[in-house]
N, C-alpha and C. Protein backbone atom coordinates (compact mmCIF):
# COMPACT_ATOMS: atom_id res chain seq x y z
N UNK A 1 -0.54 -25.97 10.41
CA UNK A 1 -1.52 -25.48 9.46
C UNK A 1 -0.93 -24.31 8.68
N UNK A 2 -1.19 -24.30 7.41
CA UNK A 2 -0.68 -23.20 6.60
C UNK A 2 -1.75 -22.71 5.63
N UNK A 3 -1.67 -21.43 5.37
CA UNK A 3 -2.63 -20.78 4.49
C UNK A 3 -2.02 -20.59 3.11
N UNK A 4 -2.87 -20.24 2.18
CA UNK A 4 -2.49 -19.94 0.80
C UNK A 4 -2.74 -18.45 0.58
N UNK A 5 -1.77 -17.74 0.02
CA UNK A 5 -1.87 -16.30 -0.16
C UNK A 5 -1.76 -15.94 -1.63
N UNK A 6 -2.63 -15.04 -2.09
CA UNK A 6 -2.62 -14.56 -3.47
C UNK A 6 -2.70 -13.05 -3.47
N UNK A 7 -1.78 -12.40 -4.16
CA UNK A 7 -1.87 -10.95 -4.36
C UNK A 7 -2.84 -10.73 -5.51
N UNK A 8 -3.97 -10.09 -5.21
CA UNK A 8 -4.98 -9.82 -6.24
C UNK A 8 -4.54 -8.67 -7.13
N UNK A 9 -3.96 -7.65 -6.53
CA UNK A 9 -3.40 -6.53 -7.29
C UNK A 9 -2.26 -5.93 -6.49
N UNK A 10 -1.14 -5.67 -7.16
CA UNK A 10 0.00 -5.02 -6.51
C UNK A 10 -0.20 -3.52 -6.62
N UNK A 11 -0.12 -2.86 -5.50
CA UNK A 11 -0.38 -1.42 -5.47
C UNK A 11 0.78 -0.59 -5.96
N UNK A 12 0.58 0.72 -5.91
CA UNK A 12 1.60 1.69 -6.33
C UNK A 12 1.25 3.03 -5.70
N UNK A 13 2.24 3.91 -5.66
CA UNK A 13 2.04 5.26 -5.14
C UNK A 13 3.04 6.18 -5.81
N UNK A 14 2.72 6.55 -7.04
CA UNK A 14 3.58 7.46 -7.80
C UNK A 14 2.68 8.19 -8.79
N UNK A 15 2.24 9.36 -8.43
CA UNK A 15 1.30 10.09 -9.26
C UNK A 15 -0.12 9.65 -8.98
N UNK A 16 -0.39 8.38 -9.17
CA UNK A 16 -1.66 7.77 -8.82
C UNK A 16 -1.40 6.80 -7.66
N UNK A 17 -2.45 6.35 -7.04
CA UNK A 17 -2.26 5.47 -5.87
C UNK A 17 -3.25 4.31 -5.90
N UNK A 18 -2.75 3.14 -5.55
CA UNK A 18 -3.57 1.94 -5.37
C UNK A 18 -2.95 1.12 -4.25
N UNK A 19 -3.80 0.48 -3.47
CA UNK A 19 -3.28 -0.38 -2.41
C UNK A 19 -3.00 -1.78 -2.96
N UNK A 20 -2.12 -2.48 -2.31
CA UNK A 20 -1.92 -3.89 -2.61
C UNK A 20 -3.05 -4.64 -1.92
N UNK A 21 -3.78 -5.45 -2.69
CA UNK A 21 -4.93 -6.19 -2.18
C UNK A 21 -4.60 -7.67 -2.21
N UNK A 22 -4.86 -8.35 -1.10
CA UNK A 22 -4.46 -9.74 -0.92
C UNK A 22 -5.66 -10.61 -0.56
N UNK A 23 -5.65 -11.83 -1.09
CA UNK A 23 -6.60 -12.86 -0.68
C UNK A 23 -5.82 -13.94 0.06
N UNK A 24 -6.33 -14.35 1.21
CA UNK A 24 -5.77 -15.46 1.97
C UNK A 24 -6.85 -16.53 2.09
N UNK A 25 -6.48 -17.76 1.78
CA UNK A 25 -7.37 -18.90 2.00
C UNK A 25 -6.78 -19.73 3.13
N UNK A 26 -7.63 -20.00 4.13
CA UNK A 26 -7.14 -20.74 5.28
C UNK A 26 -8.29 -21.55 5.88
N UNK A 27 -8.12 -22.87 5.89
CA UNK A 27 -9.09 -23.75 6.54
C UNK A 27 -10.52 -23.44 6.08
N UNK A 28 -10.71 -23.25 4.79
CA UNK A 28 -12.03 -22.99 4.25
C UNK A 28 -12.50 -21.55 4.35
N UNK A 29 -11.69 -20.68 4.92
CA UNK A 29 -12.05 -19.27 5.03
C UNK A 29 -11.37 -18.47 3.93
N UNK A 30 -12.05 -17.45 3.46
CA UNK A 30 -11.47 -16.50 2.50
C UNK A 30 -11.36 -15.16 3.22
N UNK A 31 -10.15 -14.61 3.21
CA UNK A 31 -9.84 -13.36 3.93
C UNK A 31 -9.23 -12.39 2.93
N UNK A 32 -9.71 -11.16 2.90
CA UNK A 32 -9.15 -10.13 2.03
C UNK A 32 -8.48 -9.08 2.91
N UNK A 33 -7.28 -8.68 2.52
CA UNK A 33 -6.53 -7.66 3.24
C UNK A 33 -6.45 -6.40 2.38
N UNK A 34 -6.86 -5.28 2.93
CA UNK A 34 -6.76 -3.95 2.32
C UNK A 34 -7.44 -3.79 0.96
N UNK A 35 -8.76 -3.95 0.92
CA UNK A 35 -9.48 -3.75 -0.35
C UNK A 35 -9.69 -2.27 -0.62
N UNK A 36 -8.62 -1.58 -0.92
CA UNK A 36 -8.66 -0.14 -1.07
C UNK A 36 -8.77 0.35 -2.49
N UNK A 37 -8.18 1.50 -2.73
CA UNK A 37 -8.24 2.12 -4.04
C UNK A 37 -7.51 1.28 -5.07
N UNK A 38 -8.14 1.11 -6.24
CA UNK A 38 -7.56 0.46 -7.41
C UNK A 38 -8.09 1.21 -8.63
N UNK A 39 -7.49 1.01 -9.79
CA UNK A 39 -7.89 1.73 -11.00
C UNK A 39 -9.36 1.48 -11.34
N UNK A 40 -9.82 0.25 -11.11
CA UNK A 40 -11.24 -0.09 -11.25
C UNK A 40 -11.48 -1.38 -10.46
N UNK A 41 -12.70 -1.61 -10.05
CA UNK A 41 -13.01 -2.75 -9.18
C UNK A 41 -12.65 -4.10 -9.79
N UNK A 42 -12.57 -4.16 -11.10
CA UNK A 42 -12.15 -5.39 -11.75
C UNK A 42 -10.77 -5.84 -11.32
N UNK A 43 -9.94 -4.90 -10.85
CA UNK A 43 -8.60 -5.25 -10.36
C UNK A 43 -8.66 -6.12 -9.11
N UNK A 44 -9.81 -6.09 -8.42
CA UNK A 44 -10.05 -6.96 -7.27
C UNK A 44 -10.95 -8.12 -7.68
N UNK A 45 -12.04 -7.81 -8.36
CA UNK A 45 -13.05 -8.81 -8.67
C UNK A 45 -12.59 -9.86 -9.68
N UNK A 46 -11.87 -9.45 -10.71
CA UNK A 46 -11.44 -10.41 -11.73
C UNK A 46 -10.48 -11.46 -11.19
N UNK A 47 -9.44 -11.08 -10.43
CA UNK A 47 -8.56 -12.11 -9.86
C UNK A 47 -9.29 -13.02 -8.86
N UNK A 48 -10.22 -12.45 -8.09
CA UNK A 48 -11.01 -13.28 -7.18
C UNK A 48 -11.79 -14.33 -7.96
N UNK A 49 -12.46 -13.89 -9.03
CA UNK A 49 -13.24 -14.82 -9.85
C UNK A 49 -12.34 -15.89 -10.47
N UNK A 50 -11.16 -15.49 -10.93
CA UNK A 50 -10.22 -16.46 -11.52
C UNK A 50 -9.79 -17.52 -10.50
N UNK A 51 -9.80 -17.14 -9.23
CA UNK A 51 -9.44 -18.08 -8.16
C UNK A 51 -10.67 -18.85 -7.65
N UNK A 52 -11.83 -18.56 -8.24
CA UNK A 52 -13.05 -19.26 -7.86
C UNK A 52 -13.66 -18.79 -6.56
N UNK A 53 -13.42 -17.53 -6.19
CA UNK A 53 -13.94 -16.98 -4.94
C UNK A 53 -14.95 -15.88 -5.26
N UNK A 54 -16.18 -16.08 -4.81
CA UNK A 54 -17.21 -15.05 -4.94
C UNK A 54 -17.08 -14.06 -3.78
N UNK A 55 -17.46 -12.82 -4.01
CA UNK A 55 -17.37 -11.82 -2.93
C UNK A 55 -18.17 -12.25 -1.71
N UNK A 56 -19.27 -12.96 -1.92
CA UNK A 56 -20.10 -13.42 -0.80
C UNK A 56 -19.41 -14.51 0.03
N UNK A 57 -18.35 -15.10 -0.49
CA UNK A 57 -17.61 -16.14 0.24
C UNK A 57 -16.52 -15.55 1.13
N UNK A 58 -16.22 -14.27 0.97
CA UNK A 58 -15.18 -13.64 1.79
C UNK A 58 -15.77 -13.41 3.19
N UNK A 59 -15.20 -14.09 4.17
CA UNK A 59 -15.73 -14.03 5.53
C UNK A 59 -15.07 -12.99 6.41
N UNK A 60 -13.86 -12.55 6.02
CA UNK A 60 -13.13 -11.56 6.82
C UNK A 60 -12.42 -10.58 5.91
N UNK A 61 -12.41 -9.33 6.32
CA UNK A 61 -11.64 -8.28 5.65
C UNK A 61 -10.82 -7.59 6.73
N UNK A 62 -9.52 -7.43 6.46
CA UNK A 62 -8.61 -6.77 7.40
C UNK A 62 -8.16 -5.45 6.81
N UNK A 63 -8.24 -4.40 7.61
CA UNK A 63 -7.72 -3.08 7.23
C UNK A 63 -6.40 -2.87 7.96
N UNK A 64 -5.32 -2.65 7.21
CA UNK A 64 -4.04 -2.35 7.86
C UNK A 64 -4.12 -1.04 8.62
N UNK A 65 -4.94 -0.12 8.13
CA UNK A 65 -5.21 1.16 8.78
C UNK A 65 -6.38 1.81 8.04
N UNK A 66 -6.85 2.93 8.55
CA UNK A 66 -8.09 3.51 8.02
C UNK A 66 -7.89 4.64 7.02
N UNK A 67 -6.88 4.58 6.19
CA UNK A 67 -6.77 5.54 5.09
C UNK A 67 -7.60 5.01 3.92
N UNK A 68 -8.32 5.87 3.21
CA UNK A 68 -9.20 5.41 2.13
C UNK A 68 -8.51 4.56 1.07
N UNK A 69 -7.23 4.80 0.82
CA UNK A 69 -6.56 4.00 -0.21
C UNK A 69 -6.42 2.54 0.20
N UNK A 70 -6.78 2.20 1.45
CA UNK A 70 -6.74 0.81 1.91
C UNK A 70 -8.11 0.25 2.30
N UNK A 71 -9.15 1.09 2.23
CA UNK A 71 -10.47 0.65 2.69
C UNK A 71 -11.60 0.89 1.68
N UNK A 72 -11.34 1.64 0.63
CA UNK A 72 -12.40 2.16 -0.24
C UNK A 72 -13.35 1.11 -0.80
N UNK A 73 -12.88 -0.09 -1.09
CA UNK A 73 -13.73 -1.11 -1.71
C UNK A 73 -14.22 -2.18 -0.73
N UNK A 74 -14.26 -1.85 0.54
CA UNK A 74 -14.72 -2.81 1.55
C UNK A 74 -16.14 -3.28 1.31
N UNK A 75 -17.00 -2.41 0.78
CA UNK A 75 -18.41 -2.77 0.59
C UNK A 75 -18.62 -3.87 -0.45
N UNK A 76 -17.59 -4.23 -1.20
CA UNK A 76 -17.71 -5.36 -2.12
C UNK A 76 -17.99 -6.67 -1.38
N UNK A 77 -17.65 -6.70 -0.09
CA UNK A 77 -17.71 -7.94 0.70
C UNK A 77 -18.79 -7.83 1.76
N UNK A 78 -20.04 -7.89 1.31
CA UNK A 78 -21.18 -7.59 2.17
C UNK A 78 -21.43 -8.62 3.26
N UNK A 79 -20.84 -9.79 3.18
CA UNK A 79 -21.07 -10.82 4.21
C UNK A 79 -19.88 -10.96 5.17
N UNK A 80 -18.88 -10.13 5.01
CA UNK A 80 -17.66 -10.26 5.82
C UNK A 80 -17.79 -9.59 7.18
N UNK A 81 -16.93 -10.04 8.07
CA UNK A 81 -16.69 -9.28 9.29
C UNK A 81 -15.40 -8.51 9.03
N UNK A 82 -15.30 -7.32 9.58
CA UNK A 82 -14.19 -6.41 9.29
C UNK A 82 -13.33 -6.24 10.53
N UNK A 83 -12.00 -6.25 10.32
CA UNK A 83 -11.04 -6.17 11.43
C UNK A 83 -10.19 -4.91 11.28
N UNK A 84 -10.00 -4.22 12.38
CA UNK A 84 -9.03 -3.13 12.40
C UNK A 84 -8.25 -3.25 13.71
N UNK A 85 -7.60 -2.17 14.11
CA UNK A 85 -6.69 -2.22 15.25
C UNK A 85 -7.37 -2.43 16.59
N UNK A 86 -8.68 -2.18 16.70
CA UNK A 86 -9.29 -2.29 18.02
C UNK A 86 -10.63 -3.01 18.07
N UNK A 87 -11.12 -3.48 16.92
CA UNK A 87 -12.44 -4.10 16.97
C UNK A 87 -12.69 -5.00 15.77
N UNK A 88 -13.80 -5.74 15.89
CA UNK A 88 -14.37 -6.51 14.79
C UNK A 88 -15.76 -5.93 14.55
N UNK A 89 -16.09 -5.70 13.28
CA UNK A 89 -17.38 -5.13 12.91
C UNK A 89 -18.10 -6.13 12.03
N UNK A 90 -19.32 -6.49 12.42
CA UNK A 90 -20.11 -7.43 11.63
C UNK A 90 -21.57 -7.01 11.72
N UNK A 91 -22.14 -6.70 10.56
CA UNK A 91 -23.50 -6.19 10.50
C UNK A 91 -23.60 -4.97 11.42
N UNK A 92 -24.43 -5.04 12.47
CA UNK A 92 -24.55 -3.88 13.36
C UNK A 92 -23.89 -4.14 14.72
N UNK A 93 -22.93 -5.07 14.74
CA UNK A 93 -22.24 -5.42 15.99
C UNK A 93 -20.80 -4.95 15.94
N UNK A 94 -20.41 -4.21 16.95
CA UNK A 94 -19.04 -3.71 17.12
C UNK A 94 -18.48 -4.41 18.34
N UNK A 95 -17.47 -5.28 18.15
CA UNK A 95 -16.88 -6.03 19.24
C UNK A 95 -15.47 -5.53 19.49
N UNK A 96 -15.27 -4.87 20.62
CA UNK A 96 -13.94 -4.37 20.97
C UNK A 96 -13.01 -5.54 21.26
N UNK A 97 -11.77 -5.41 20.78
CA UNK A 97 -10.70 -6.34 21.09
C UNK A 97 -9.41 -5.74 20.55
N UNK A 98 -8.31 -5.92 21.26
CA UNK A 98 -7.04 -5.46 20.69
C UNK A 98 -6.64 -6.36 19.53
N UNK A 99 -6.07 -5.79 18.49
CA UNK A 99 -5.66 -6.58 17.33
C UNK A 99 -4.43 -7.42 17.62
N UNK A 100 -3.51 -6.91 18.42
CA UNK A 100 -2.23 -7.58 18.61
C UNK A 100 -2.43 -9.00 19.11
N UNK A 101 -2.03 -9.97 18.29
CA UNK A 101 -2.13 -11.37 18.63
C UNK A 101 -3.47 -11.99 18.29
N UNK A 102 -4.43 -11.21 17.78
CA UNK A 102 -5.75 -11.77 17.47
C UNK A 102 -5.64 -12.77 16.33
N UNK A 103 -6.24 -13.94 16.51
CA UNK A 103 -6.21 -15.01 15.54
C UNK A 103 -7.46 -14.90 14.67
N UNK A 104 -7.29 -14.50 13.39
CA UNK A 104 -8.40 -14.38 12.46
C UNK A 104 -8.85 -15.76 12.01
N UNK A 105 -7.89 -16.64 11.79
CA UNK A 105 -8.12 -18.03 11.39
C UNK A 105 -6.92 -18.82 11.89
N UNK A 106 -6.90 -20.14 11.72
CA UNK A 106 -5.79 -20.92 12.28
C UNK A 106 -4.39 -20.46 11.86
N UNK A 107 -4.23 -19.96 10.64
CA UNK A 107 -2.90 -19.56 10.15
C UNK A 107 -2.75 -18.06 9.93
N UNK A 108 -3.72 -17.28 10.39
CA UNK A 108 -3.70 -15.83 10.17
C UNK A 108 -3.92 -15.11 11.49
N UNK A 109 -2.95 -14.25 11.83
CA UNK A 109 -3.07 -13.47 13.06
C UNK A 109 -2.67 -12.03 12.80
N UNK A 110 -3.04 -11.17 13.71
CA UNK A 110 -2.77 -9.74 13.56
C UNK A 110 -1.68 -9.30 14.53
N UNK A 111 -0.96 -8.26 14.14
CA UNK A 111 0.12 -7.71 14.96
C UNK A 111 0.01 -6.19 14.93
N UNK A 112 0.01 -5.56 16.08
CA UNK A 112 0.01 -4.10 16.14
C UNK A 112 1.37 -3.60 15.65
N UNK A 113 1.35 -2.71 14.66
CA UNK A 113 2.59 -2.17 14.09
C UNK A 113 2.43 -0.67 13.84
N UNK A 114 2.29 0.12 14.91
CA UNK A 114 2.07 1.56 14.73
C UNK A 114 3.26 2.26 14.10
N UNK A 115 2.98 3.40 13.50
CA UNK A 115 4.02 4.23 12.90
C UNK A 115 3.47 5.01 11.74
N UNK A 116 3.08 4.32 10.66
CA UNK A 116 2.46 5.02 9.52
C UNK A 116 1.23 5.76 10.05
N UNK A 117 0.44 5.06 10.84
CA UNK A 117 -0.60 5.68 11.66
C UNK A 117 -0.51 4.99 13.02
N UNK A 118 -1.12 5.59 14.02
CA UNK A 118 -1.10 4.98 15.35
C UNK A 118 -1.90 3.69 15.38
N UNK A 119 -2.77 3.51 14.39
CA UNK A 119 -3.67 2.36 14.36
C UNK A 119 -3.24 1.26 13.39
N UNK A 120 -2.03 1.29 12.88
CA UNK A 120 -1.61 0.28 11.91
C UNK A 120 -1.49 -1.11 12.51
N UNK A 121 -1.92 -2.10 11.71
CA UNK A 121 -1.72 -3.50 12.06
C UNK A 121 -1.14 -4.22 10.84
N UNK A 122 -0.46 -5.31 11.12
CA UNK A 122 0.09 -6.17 10.09
C UNK A 122 -0.64 -7.50 10.17
N UNK A 123 -0.95 -8.08 9.01
CA UNK A 123 -1.56 -9.40 8.94
C UNK A 123 -0.46 -10.41 8.71
N UNK A 124 -0.30 -11.33 9.64
CA UNK A 124 0.74 -12.37 9.57
C UNK A 124 0.09 -13.67 9.11
N UNK A 125 0.65 -14.26 8.05
CA UNK A 125 0.07 -15.45 7.43
C UNK A 125 1.12 -16.56 7.40
N UNK A 126 0.83 -17.66 8.06
CA UNK A 126 1.71 -18.83 8.00
C UNK A 126 1.38 -19.61 6.73
N UNK A 127 2.36 -19.69 5.82
CA UNK A 127 2.19 -20.40 4.55
C UNK A 127 3.19 -21.54 4.48
N UNK A 128 3.05 -22.39 3.48
CA UNK A 128 3.99 -23.49 3.26
C UNK A 128 5.40 -22.97 2.99
N UNK A 129 5.51 -21.74 2.49
CA UNK A 129 6.81 -21.14 2.19
C UNK A 129 7.34 -20.28 3.33
N UNK A 130 6.66 -20.26 4.46
CA UNK A 130 7.10 -19.47 5.60
C UNK A 130 6.11 -18.36 5.93
N UNK A 131 6.51 -17.52 6.86
CA UNK A 131 5.66 -16.43 7.32
C UNK A 131 5.61 -15.31 6.28
N UNK A 132 4.40 -14.84 5.96
CA UNK A 132 4.21 -13.71 5.06
C UNK A 132 3.57 -12.59 5.88
N UNK A 133 4.08 -11.37 5.72
CA UNK A 133 3.57 -10.21 6.43
C UNK A 133 2.95 -9.22 5.44
N UNK A 134 1.65 -9.01 5.55
CA UNK A 134 0.96 -7.98 4.77
C UNK A 134 0.94 -6.74 5.64
N UNK A 135 1.64 -5.68 5.21
CA UNK A 135 1.92 -4.58 6.11
C UNK A 135 2.09 -3.26 5.37
N UNK A 136 1.86 -2.17 6.09
CA UNK A 136 2.15 -0.85 5.55
C UNK A 136 3.40 -0.26 6.22
N UNK A 137 4.22 -1.11 6.81
CA UNK A 137 5.49 -0.64 7.37
C UNK A 137 6.42 -0.20 6.25
N UNK A 138 6.23 -0.77 5.07
CA UNK A 138 6.93 -0.34 3.86
C UNK A 138 5.89 -0.09 2.78
N UNK A 139 6.08 0.95 1.98
CA UNK A 139 5.19 1.22 0.85
C UNK A 139 5.48 0.24 -0.27
N UNK A 140 6.78 -0.03 -0.49
CA UNK A 140 7.23 -0.97 -1.50
C UNK A 140 8.65 -1.39 -1.11
N UNK A 141 9.21 -2.29 -1.88
CA UNK A 141 10.59 -2.73 -1.61
C UNK A 141 11.57 -1.56 -1.70
N UNK A 142 11.27 -0.58 -2.54
CA UNK A 142 12.16 0.56 -2.73
C UNK A 142 12.03 1.60 -1.62
N UNK A 143 11.11 1.44 -0.72
CA UNK A 143 10.97 2.39 0.38
C UNK A 143 9.65 3.12 0.33
N UNK A 144 9.65 4.33 0.80
CA UNK A 144 10.78 5.10 1.29
C UNK A 144 11.19 4.70 2.72
N UNK A 145 12.47 4.85 3.03
CA UNK A 145 12.95 4.53 4.37
C UNK A 145 12.30 5.44 5.41
N UNK A 146 12.17 6.71 5.06
CA UNK A 146 11.45 7.66 5.90
C UNK A 146 10.07 7.85 5.27
N UNK A 147 9.04 7.43 5.98
CA UNK A 147 7.67 7.48 5.48
C UNK A 147 7.18 8.93 5.52
N UNK A 148 6.90 9.55 4.36
CA UNK A 148 6.50 10.96 4.34
C UNK A 148 5.13 11.21 4.98
N UNK A 149 4.35 10.18 5.19
CA UNK A 149 3.03 10.33 5.82
C UNK A 149 2.97 9.70 7.22
N UNK A 150 4.11 9.28 7.72
CA UNK A 150 4.13 8.63 9.04
C UNK A 150 3.70 9.59 10.13
N UNK A 151 2.84 9.11 11.00
CA UNK A 151 2.47 9.89 12.18
C UNK A 151 3.59 9.86 13.21
N UNK A 152 4.38 8.77 13.22
CA UNK A 152 5.44 8.61 14.21
C UNK A 152 6.53 7.72 13.62
N UNK A 153 7.55 8.34 13.04
CA UNK A 153 8.62 7.59 12.39
C UNK A 153 9.38 6.71 13.37
N UNK A 154 9.56 7.17 14.60
CA UNK A 154 10.26 6.36 15.60
C UNK A 154 9.47 5.09 15.89
N UNK A 155 8.17 5.20 16.05
CA UNK A 155 7.32 4.03 16.28
C UNK A 155 7.35 3.12 15.06
N UNK A 156 7.34 3.71 13.87
CA UNK A 156 7.40 2.92 12.64
C UNK A 156 8.70 2.12 12.58
N UNK A 157 9.82 2.75 12.91
CA UNK A 157 11.10 2.04 12.92
C UNK A 157 11.10 0.90 13.94
N UNK A 158 10.51 1.12 15.12
CA UNK A 158 10.40 0.06 16.13
C UNK A 158 9.53 -1.09 15.61
N UNK A 159 8.43 -0.74 14.96
CA UNK A 159 7.54 -1.77 14.42
C UNK A 159 8.23 -2.57 13.32
N UNK A 160 9.01 -1.89 12.47
CA UNK A 160 9.76 -2.59 11.44
C UNK A 160 10.71 -3.60 12.06
N UNK A 161 11.44 -3.18 13.09
CA UNK A 161 12.40 -4.09 13.75
C UNK A 161 11.68 -5.28 14.38
N UNK A 162 10.54 -5.02 15.04
CA UNK A 162 9.78 -6.11 15.67
C UNK A 162 9.29 -7.11 14.63
N UNK A 163 8.84 -6.62 13.50
CA UNK A 163 8.38 -7.52 12.44
C UNK A 163 9.55 -8.32 11.87
N UNK A 164 10.66 -7.67 11.60
CA UNK A 164 11.80 -8.38 11.02
C UNK A 164 12.36 -9.43 11.97
N UNK A 165 12.20 -9.23 13.28
CA UNK A 165 12.64 -10.24 14.25
C UNK A 165 11.86 -11.55 14.11
N UNK A 166 10.67 -11.48 13.52
CA UNK A 166 9.88 -12.69 13.28
C UNK A 166 10.38 -13.46 12.06
N UNK A 167 11.33 -12.88 11.33
CA UNK A 167 11.96 -13.48 10.15
C UNK A 167 10.94 -13.90 9.09
N UNK A 168 10.14 -12.95 8.61
CA UNK A 168 9.20 -13.30 7.55
C UNK A 168 9.93 -13.70 6.28
N UNK A 169 9.36 -14.66 5.57
CA UNK A 169 9.92 -15.10 4.29
C UNK A 169 9.59 -14.10 3.19
N UNK A 170 8.47 -13.39 3.36
CA UNK A 170 7.98 -12.47 2.34
C UNK A 170 7.24 -11.33 3.00
N UNK A 171 7.42 -10.13 2.44
CA UNK A 171 6.68 -8.96 2.88
C UNK A 171 5.82 -8.50 1.72
N UNK A 172 4.53 -8.30 2.00
CA UNK A 172 3.60 -7.75 1.03
C UNK A 172 3.34 -6.31 1.49
N UNK A 173 3.97 -5.32 0.82
CA UNK A 173 3.89 -3.94 1.28
C UNK A 173 2.58 -3.27 0.87
N UNK A 174 2.31 -2.13 1.44
CA UNK A 174 1.06 -1.41 1.21
C UNK A 174 0.84 -0.95 -0.22
N UNK A 175 1.92 -0.67 -0.95
CA UNK A 175 1.78 -0.12 -2.30
C UNK A 175 2.79 -0.71 -3.27
N UNK A 176 2.99 -2.01 -3.23
CA UNK A 176 3.97 -2.60 -4.14
C UNK A 176 3.88 -4.10 -4.18
N UNK A 177 4.73 -4.68 -4.99
CA UNK A 177 4.79 -6.14 -5.14
C UNK A 177 5.47 -6.77 -3.93
N UNK A 178 5.15 -8.01 -3.63
CA UNK A 178 5.82 -8.71 -2.52
C UNK A 178 7.34 -8.77 -2.74
N UNK A 179 8.05 -8.79 -1.62
CA UNK A 179 9.52 -8.88 -1.70
C UNK A 179 10.06 -9.66 -0.51
N UNK A 180 11.24 -10.21 -0.72
CA UNK A 180 11.95 -10.92 0.36
C UNK A 180 12.69 -9.86 1.20
N UNK A 181 12.60 -9.96 2.51
CA UNK A 181 13.16 -8.91 3.35
C UNK A 181 14.66 -8.98 3.59
N UNK A 182 15.38 -9.86 2.92
CA UNK A 182 16.81 -10.05 3.17
C UNK A 182 17.65 -8.78 3.19
N UNK A 183 17.37 -7.83 2.33
CA UNK A 183 18.19 -6.62 2.26
C UNK A 183 17.79 -5.56 3.28
N UNK A 184 16.68 -5.74 3.96
CA UNK A 184 16.22 -4.75 4.92
C UNK A 184 17.04 -4.83 6.20
N UNK A 185 17.30 -3.69 6.80
CA UNK A 185 18.06 -3.64 8.04
C UNK A 185 17.22 -4.16 9.20
N UNK A 186 17.85 -4.95 10.04
CA UNK A 186 17.17 -5.50 11.21
C UNK A 186 17.46 -4.69 12.46
N UNK A 187 18.05 -3.52 12.31
CA UNK A 187 18.22 -2.67 13.48
C UNK A 187 19.58 -2.52 13.97
């Protein structure tokens, strides 16, 4: 089984900040990853509409971590269940569960990747083109190699190595366009 992945908006972090926002379609489910800060909500809503997805059809939202630049627009998806590093939140129900290995849908699973924050997770998506990792282990293809906001750079480096061992075909970073990980060091 493979999912379809669309970058709704590629983020940036230079003077101004926006998160990279992703839509995943898998087995009839619509999943949004990191609906955070963008210049205006149309940067999320317009690409969704162009893909024929209404906000009410989004069943899951994944937060890579709880910084506002990755969560600010979560309320756009009023019918979704929300995933973070330790729980699922739906309406007034909080269900504890570790994220590592959690299967959101048949082709989408979560991986604990601490470093930027202790609570970081990566969304792993099996696509026809290979494994895609939506992650904040890198801000963009250009780096930075040393994360200036990392809570634990050593943990971040370990998480980077663990992710690269999975040999993803594509990395969708927290604040940039997707890139192929070929040039990244594997440790």
